[in-house]
Amino acid sequence: FLPMCLVYDFSLNDLLAPKKQKTLTVLS
């Protein structure tokens, strides 16, 4: 789904141990 939102660097670590800036970017 995320390439449709122009996010191409989503990894499994963003689910298991998410970081603030990356999570805010994905949610934005």
PDB file of all heavy atoms in Angstrom:
ATOM      1  N   PHE A   1       0.810  -1.228   0.000  1.00  0.00           N
ATOM      2  CA  PHE A   1       0.000   0.000   0.000  1.00  0.00           C
ATOM      3  C   PHE A   1       0.840   1.274   0.000  1.00  0.00           C
ATOM      4  O   PHE A   1       0.519   2.248  -0.682  1.00  0.00           O
ATOM      5  CB  PHE A   1      -0.939  -0.015   1.207  1.00  0.00           C
ATOM      6  CG  PHE A   1      -1.547   1.316   1.528  1.00  0.00           C
ATOM      7  CD1 PHE A   1      -2.405   1.945   0.631  1.00  0.00           C
ATOM      8  CD2 PHE A   1      -1.248   1.964   2.717  1.00  0.00           C
ATOM      9  CE1 PHE A   1      -2.961   3.177   0.927  1.00  0.00           C
ATOM     10  CE2 PHE A   1      -1.798   3.193   3.009  1.00  0.00           C
ATOM     11  CZ  PHE A   1      -2.659   3.802   2.110  1.00  0.00           C
ATOM     12  N   LEU A   2       1.933   1.319   0.778  1.00  0.00           N
ATOM     13  CA  LEU A   2       2.654   2.569   0.982  1.00  0.00           C
ATOM     14  C   LEU A   2       3.308   3.155  -0.265  1.00  0.00           C
ATOM     15  O   LEU A   2       3.468   4.373  -0.344  1.00  0.00           O
ATOM     16  CB  LEU A   2       3.711   2.379   2.081  1.00  0.00           C
ATOM     17  CG  LEU A   2       3.150   2.313   3.507  1.00  0.00           C
ATOM     18  CD1 LEU A   2       4.252   2.011   4.497  1.00  0.00           C
ATOM     19  CD2 LEU A   2       2.448   3.619   3.867  1.00  0.00           C
ATOM     20  N   PRO A   3       3.723   2.360  -1.282  1.00  0.00           N
ATOM     21  CA  PRO A   3       4.215   3.020  -2.502  1.00  0.00           C
ATOM     22  C   PRO A   3       3.166   3.905  -3.176  1.00  0.00           C
ATOM     23  O   PRO A   3       3.533   4.866  -3.877  1.00  0.00           O
ATOM     24  CB  PRO A   3       4.605   1.832  -3.403  1.00  0.00           C
ATOM     25  CG  PRO A   3       4.975   0.760  -2.454  1.00  0.00           C
ATOM     26  CD  PRO A   3       4.061   0.917  -1.288  1.00  0.00           C
ATOM     27  N   MET A   4       1.885   3.627  -2.986  1.00  0.00           N
ATOM     28  CA  MET A   4       0.852   4.530  -3.502  1.00  0.00           C
ATOM     29  C   MET A   4       0.863   5.858  -2.773  1.00  0.00           C
ATOM     30  O   MET A   4       0.431   6.878  -3.316  1.00  0.00           O
ATOM     31  CB  MET A   4      -0.528   3.882  -3.362  1.00  0.00           C
ATOM     32  CG  MET A   4      -0.698   2.614  -4.186  1.00  0.00           C
ATOM     33  SD  MET A   4      -2.253   1.800  -3.868  1.00  0.00           S
ATOM     34  CE  MET A   4      -3.387   2.992  -4.538  1.00  0.00           C
ATOM     35  N   CYS A   5       1.373   5.869  -1.522  1.00  0.00           N
ATOM     36  CA  CYS A   5       1.515   7.106  -0.736  1.00  0.00           C
ATOM     37  C   CYS A   5       2.899   7.724  -0.895  1.00  0.00           C
ATOM     38  O   CYS A   5       3.255   8.651  -0.135  1.00  0.00           O
ATOM     39  CB  CYS A   5       1.242   6.824   0.733  1.00  0.00           C
ATOM     40  SG  CYS A   5      -0.365   6.113   1.071  1.00  0.00           S
ATOM     41  N   LEU A   6       3.714   7.212  -1.839  1.00  0.00           N
ATOM     42  CA  LEU A   6       5.065   7.718  -2.127  1.00  0.00           C
ATOM     43  C   LEU A   6       6.024   7.472  -0.960  1.00  0.00           C
ATOM     44  O   LEU A   6       6.903   8.279  -0.662  1.00  0.00           O
ATOM     45  CB  LEU A   6       5.029   9.206  -2.482  1.00  0.00           C
ATOM     46  CG  LEU A   6       4.109   9.592  -3.651  1.00  0.00           C
ATOM     47  CD1 LEU A   6       4.129  11.091  -3.872  1.00  0.00           C
ATOM     48  CD2 LEU A   6       4.533   8.870  -4.921  1.00  0.00           C
ATOM     49  N   VAL A   7       5.842   6.319  -0.283  1.00  0.00           N
ATOM     50  CA  VAL A   7       6.779   5.878   0.764  1.00  0.00           C
ATOM     51  C   VAL A   7       7.320   4.519   0.322  1.00  0.00           C
ATOM     52  O   VAL A   7       6.563   3.556   0.184  1.00  0.00           O
ATOM     53  CB  VAL A   7       6.082   5.772   2.135  1.00  0.00           C
ATOM     54  CG1 VAL A   7       7.033   5.199   3.167  1.00  0.00           C
ATOM     55  CG2 VAL A   7       5.594   7.134   2.588  1.00  0.00           C
ATOM     56  N   TYR A   8       8.646   4.459   0.116  1.00  0.00           N
ATOM     57  CA  TYR A   8       9.240   3.254  -0.475  1.00  0.00           C
ATOM     58  C   TYR A   8      10.230   2.555   0.464  1.00  0.00           C
ATOM     59  O   TYR A   8      10.809   1.531   0.096  1.00  0.00           O
ATOM     60  CB  TYR A   8       9.971   3.617  -1.777  1.00  0.00           C
ATOM     61  CG  TYR A   8       9.084   4.274  -2.797  1.00  0.00           C
ATOM     62  CD1 TYR A   8       9.079   5.656  -2.954  1.00  0.00           C
ATOM     63  CD2 TYR A   8       8.216   3.527  -3.605  1.00  0.00           C
ATOM     64  CE1 TYR A   8       8.271   6.268  -3.888  1.00  0.00           C
ATOM     65  CE2 TYR A   8       7.399   4.126  -4.539  1.00  0.00           C
ATOM     66  CZ  TYR A   8       7.429   5.500  -4.678  1.00  0.00           C
ATOM     67  OH  TYR A   8       6.615   6.092  -5.600  1.00  0.00           O
ATOM     68  N   ASP A   9      10.452   3.095   1.656  1.00  0.00           N
ATOM     69  CA  ASP A   9      11.475   2.530   2.544  1.00  0.00           C
ATOM     70  C   ASP A   9      10.844   1.995   3.837  1.00  0.00           C
ATOM     71  O   ASP A   9      11.391   2.164   4.937  1.00  0.00           O
ATOM     72  CB  ASP A   9      12.532   3.576   2.876  1.00  0.00           C
ATOM     73  CG  ASP A   9      11.924   4.846   3.454  1.00  0.00           C
ATOM     74  OD1 ASP A   9      10.684   4.979   3.417  1.00  0.00           O
ATOM     75  OD2 ASP A   9      12.680   5.708   3.932  1.00  0.00           O
ATOM     76  N   PHE A  10       9.692   1.373   3.730  1.00  0.00           N
ATOM     77  CA  PHE A  10       9.027   0.798   4.894  1.00  0.00           C
ATOM     78  C   PHE A  10       9.652  -0.571   5.200  1.00  0.00           C
ATOM     79  O   PHE A  10       9.795  -1.410   4.298  1.00  0.00           O
ATOM     80  CB  PHE A  10       7.527   0.652   4.626  1.00  0.00           C
ATOM     81  CG  PHE A  10       6.743   0.217   5.821  1.00  0.00           C
ATOM     82  CD1 PHE A  10       6.457   1.106   6.848  1.00  0.00           C
ATOM     83  CD2 PHE A  10       6.282  -1.095   5.935  1.00  0.00           C
ATOM     84  CE1 PHE A  10       5.725   0.705   7.946  1.00  0.00           C
ATOM     85  CE2 PHE A  10       5.546  -1.493   7.031  1.00  0.00           C
ATOM     86  CZ  PHE A  10       5.270  -0.592   8.047  1.00  0.00           C
ATOM     87  N   SER A  11       9.998  -0.778   6.456  1.00  0.00           N
ATOM     88  CA  SER A  11      10.658  -2.022   6.852  1.00  0.00           C
ATOM     89  C   SER A  11       9.905  -2.645   8.022  1.00  0.00           C
ATOM     90  O   SER A  11       9.006  -2.035   8.620  1.00  0.00           O
ATOM     91  CB  SER A  11      12.119  -1.764   7.236  1.00  0.00           C
ATOM     92  OG  SER A  11      12.181  -0.906   8.351  1.00  0.00           O
ATOM     93  N   LEU A  12      10.315  -3.883   8.361  1.00  0.00           N
ATOM     94  CA  LEU A  12       9.674  -4.602   9.452  1.00  0.00           C
ATOM     95  C   LEU A  12       9.984  -3.965  10.807  1.00  0.00           C
ATOM     96  O   LEU A  12       9.197  -4.058  11.751  1.00  0.00           O
ATOM     97  CB  LEU A  12      10.131  -6.064   9.431  1.00  0.00           C
ATOM     98  CG  LEU A  12       9.403  -7.046  10.343  1.00  0.00           C
ATOM     99  CD1 LEU A  12       7.927  -7.128   9.999  1.00  0.00           C
ATOM    100  CD2 LEU A  12      10.040  -8.423  10.236  1.00  0.00           C
ATOM    101  N   ASN A  13      11.102  -3.279  10.880  1.00  0.00           N
ATOM    102  CA  ASN A  13      11.473  -2.600  12.119  1.00  0.00           C
ATOM    103  C   ASN A  13      10.517  -1.462  12.441  1.00  0.00           C
ATOM    104  O   ASN A  13      10.377  -1.075  13.602  1.00  0.00           O
ATOM    105  CB  ASN A  13      12.911  -2.086  12.003  1.00  0.00           C
ATOM    106  CG  ASN A  13      13.480  -1.721  13.359  1.00  0.00           C
ATOM    107  OD1 ASN A  13      13.001  -2.200  14.383  1.00  0.00           O
ATOM    108  ND2 ASN A  13      14.498  -0.879  13.359  1.00  0.00           N
ATOM    109  N   ASP A  14       9.841  -0.885  11.392  1.00  0.00           N
ATOM    110  CA  ASP A  14       8.874   0.186  11.624  1.00  0.00           C
ATOM    111  C   ASP A  14       7.607  -0.320  12.295  1.00  0.00           C
ATOM    112  O   ASP A  14       6.799   0.492  12.771  1.00  0.00           O
ATOM    113  CB  ASP A  14       8.504   0.862  10.298  1.00  0.00           C
ATOM    114  CG  ASP A  14       9.701   1.551   9.676  1.00  0.00           C
ATOM    115  OD1 ASP A  14      10.559   2.030  10.442  1.00  0.00           O
ATOM    116  OD2 ASP A  14       9.767   1.611   8.424  1.00  0.00           O
ATOM    117  N   LEU A  15       7.399  -1.624  12.313  1.00  0.00           N
ATOM    118  CA  LEU A  15       6.264  -2.209  13.021  1.00  0.00           C
ATOM    119  C   LEU A  15       6.650  -2.696  14.409  1.00  0.00           C
ATOM    120  O   LEU A  15       5.894  -2.554  15.373  1.00  0.00           O
ATOM    121  CB  LEU A  15       5.674  -3.379  12.218  1.00  0.00           C
ATOM    122  CG  LEU A  15       4.787  -3.039  11.025  1.00  0.00           C
ATOM    123  CD1 LEU A  15       4.422  -4.298  10.277  1.00  0.00           C
ATOM    124  CD2 LEU A  15       3.524  -2.327  11.481  1.00  0.00           C
ATOM    125  N   LEU A  16       7.843  -3.305  14.513  1.00  0.00           N
ATOM    126  CA  LEU A  16       8.254  -3.909  15.780  1.00  0.00           C
ATOM    127  C   LEU A  16       8.863  -2.889  16.740  1.00  0.00           C
ATOM    128  O   LEU A  16       8.592  -2.933  17.945  1.00  0.00           O
ATOM    129  CB  LEU A  16       9.248  -5.041  15.514  1.00  0.00           C
ATOM    130  CG  LEU A  16       8.701  -6.208  14.676  1.00  0.00           C
ATOM    131  CD1 LEU A  16       9.808  -7.189  14.371  1.00  0.00           C
ATOM    132  CD2 LEU A  16       7.567  -6.906  15.409  1.00  0.00           C
ATOM    133  N   ALA A  17       9.663  -1.963  16.203  1.00  0.00           N
ATOM    134  CA  ALA A  17      10.288  -0.937  17.041  1.00  0.00           C
ATOM    135  C   ALA A  17      10.237   0.386  16.292  1.00  0.00           C
ATOM    136  O   ALA A  17      11.256   0.848  15.743  1.00  0.00           O
ATOM    137  CB  ALA A  17      11.730  -1.319  17.397  1.00  0.00           C
ATOM    138  N   PRO A  18       9.075   1.004  16.181  1.00  0.00           N
ATOM    139  CA  PRO A  18       8.959   2.219  15.364  1.00  0.00           C
ATOM    140  C   PRO A  18       9.666   3.406  15.997  1.00  0.00           C
ATOM    141  O   PRO A  18       9.742   3.528  17.214  1.00  0.00           O
ATOM    142  CB  PRO A  18       7.444   2.443  15.310  1.00  0.00           C
ATOM    143  CG  PRO A  18       6.899   1.788  16.515  1.00  0.00           C
ATOM    144  CD  PRO A  18       7.781   0.602  16.787  1.00  0.00           C
ATOM    145  N   LYS A  19      10.166   4.280  15.128  1.00  0.00           N
ATOM    146  CA  LYS A  19      10.807   5.517  15.540  1.00  0.00           C
ATOM    147  C   LYS A  19       9.859   6.684  15.287  1.00  0.00           C
ATOM    148  O   LYS A  19       8.976   6.621  14.431  1.00  0.00           O
ATOM    149  CB  LYS A  19      12.114   5.718  14.783  1.00  0.00           C
ATOM    150  CG  LYS A  19      13.157   4.661  15.120  1.00  0.00           C
ATOM    151  CD  LYS A  19      14.429   4.899  14.340  1.00  0.00           C
ATOM    152  CE  LYS A  19      15.477   3.810  14.660  1.00  0.00           C
ATOM    153  NZ  LYS A  19      16.733   4.030  13.891  1.00  0.00           N
ATOM    154  N   LYS A  20      10.097   7.784  16.028  1.00  0.00           N
ATOM    155  CA  LYS A  20       9.152   8.891  16.006  1.00  0.00           C
ATOM    156  C   LYS A  20       9.066   9.540  14.622  1.00  0.00           C
ATOM    157  O   LYS A  20       7.991   9.654  14.037  1.00  0.00           O
ATOM    158  CB  LYS A  20       9.571   9.921  17.059  1.00  0.00           C
ATOM    159  CG  LYS A  20       8.691  11.170  17.047  1.00  0.00           C
ATOM    160  CD  LYS A  20       9.208  12.208  18.028  1.00  0.00           C
ATOM    161  CE  LYS A  20       8.420  13.508  17.887  1.00  0.00           C
ATOM    162  NZ  LYS A  20       8.925  14.561  18.783  1.00  0.00           N
ATOM    163  N   GLN A  21      10.219   9.959  14.091  1.00  0.00           N
ATOM    164  CA  GLN A  21      10.198  10.730  12.838  1.00  0.00           C
ATOM    165  C   GLN A  21       9.711   9.875  11.672  1.00  0.00           C
ATOM    166  O   GLN A  21       8.919  10.330  10.839  1.00  0.00           O
ATOM    167  CB  GLN A  21      11.603  11.279  12.546  1.00  0.00           C
ATOM    168  CG  GLN A  21      11.626  12.361  11.477  1.00  0.00           C
ATOM    169  CD  GLN A  21      10.834  13.589  11.882  1.00  0.00           C
ATOM    170  OE1 GLN A  21      10.811  13.952  13.047  1.00  0.00           O
ATOM    171  NE2 GLN A  21      10.162  14.201  10.928  1.00  0.00           N
ATOM    172  N   LYS A  22      10.167   8.619  11.619  1.00  0.00           N
ATOM    173  CA  LYS A  22       9.736   7.740  10.520  1.00  0.00           C
ATOM    174  C   LYS A  22       8.240   7.449  10.626  1.00  0.00           C
ATOM    175  O   LYS A  22       7.520   7.440   9.617  1.00  0.00           O
ATOM    176  CB  LYS A  22      10.543   6.446  10.579  1.00  0.00           C
ATOM    177  CG  LYS A  22      10.256   5.468   9.456  1.00  0.00           C
ATOM    178  CD  LYS A  22      10.671   6.049   8.113  1.00  0.00           C
ATOM    179  CE  LYS A  22      10.463   5.048   6.986  1.00  0.00           C
ATOM    180  NZ  LYS A  22      11.313   3.857   7.136  1.00  0.00           N
ATOM    181  N   THR A  23       7.738   7.234  11.848  1.00  0.00           N
ATOM    182  CA  THR A  23       6.309   6.961  12.029  1.00  0.00           C
ATOM    183  C   THR A  23       5.463   8.167  11.650  1.00  0.00           C
ATOM    184  O   THR A  23       4.427   8.040  10.979  1.00  0.00           O
ATOM    185  CB  THR A  23       6.043   6.555  13.485  1.00  0.00           C
ATOM    186  OG1 THR A  23       6.882   5.453  13.831  1.00  0.00           O
ATOM    187  CG2 THR A  23       4.598   6.160  13.673  1.00  0.00           C
ATOM    188  N   LEU A  24       5.899   9.372  12.069  1.00  0.00           N
ATOM    189  CA  LEU A  24       5.170  10.586  11.687  1.00  0.00           C
ATOM    190  C   LEU A  24       5.170  10.787  10.170  1.00  0.00           C
ATOM    191  O   LEU A  24       4.166  11.224   9.581  1.00  0.00           O
ATOM    192  CB  LEU A  24       5.771  11.804  12.390  1.00  0.00           C
ATOM    193  CG  LEU A  24       5.604  11.881  13.905  1.00  0.00           C
ATOM    194  CD1 LEU A  24       6.319  13.095  14.463  1.00  0.00           C
ATOM    195  CD2 LEU A  24       4.125  11.918  14.281  1.00  0.00           C
ATOM    196  N   THR A  25       6.295  10.455   9.522  1.00  0.00           N
ATOM    197  CA  THR A  25       6.366  10.586   8.057  1.00  0.00           C
ATOM    198  C   THR A  25       5.393   9.629   7.367  1.00  0.00           C
ATOM    199  O   THR A  25       4.651  10.007   6.459  1.00  0.00           O
ATOM    200  CB  THR A  25       7.795  10.322   7.579  1.00  0.00           C
ATOM    201  OG1 THR A  25       8.691  11.206   8.241  1.00  0.00           O
ATOM    202  CG2 THR A  25       7.902  10.521   6.079  1.00  0.00           C
ATOM    203  N   VAL A  26       5.360   8.371   7.827  1.00  0.00           N
ATOM    204  CA  VAL A  26       4.465   7.381   7.223  1.00  0.00           C
ATOM    205  C   VAL A  26       3.004   7.763   7.457  1.00  0.00           C
ATOM    206  O   VAL A  26       2.158   7.702   6.549  1.00  0.00           O
ATOM    207  CB  VAL A  26       4.770   5.977   7.774  1.00  0.00           C
ATOM    208  CG1 VAL A  26       3.739   4.975   7.285  1.00  0.00           C
ATOM    209  CG2 VAL A  26       6.156   5.533   7.349  1.00  0.00           C
ATOM    210  N   LEU A  27       2.681   8.182   8.685  1.00  0.00           N
ATOM    211  CA  LEU A  27       1.298   8.572   8.984  1.00  0.00           C
ATOM    212  C   LEU A  27       0.888   9.831   8.211  1.00  0.00           C
ATOM    213  O   LEU A  27      -0.258   9.966   7.789  1.00  0.00           O
ATOM    214  CB  LEU A  27       1.147   8.795  10.493  1.00  0.00           C
ATOM    215  CG  LEU A  27       1.252   7.544  11.363  1.00  0.00           C
ATOM    216  CD1 LEU A  27       1.195   7.910  12.830  1.00  0.00           C
ATOM    217  CD2 LEU A  27       0.146   6.543  11.027  1.00  0.00           C
ATOM    218  N   SER A  28       1.852  10.763   8.006  1.00  0.00           N
ATOM    219  CA  SER A  28       1.559  11.949   7.194  1.00  0.00           C
ATOM    220  C   SER A  28       1.304  11.565   5.742  1.00  0.00           C
ATOM    221  O   SER A  28       0.410  12.129   5.079  1.00  0.00           O
ATOM    222  CB  SER A  28       2.719  12.948   7.288  1.00  0.00           C
ATOM    223  OG  SER A  28       2.911  13.386   8.605  1.00  0.00           O
TER     224      SER A  28
END
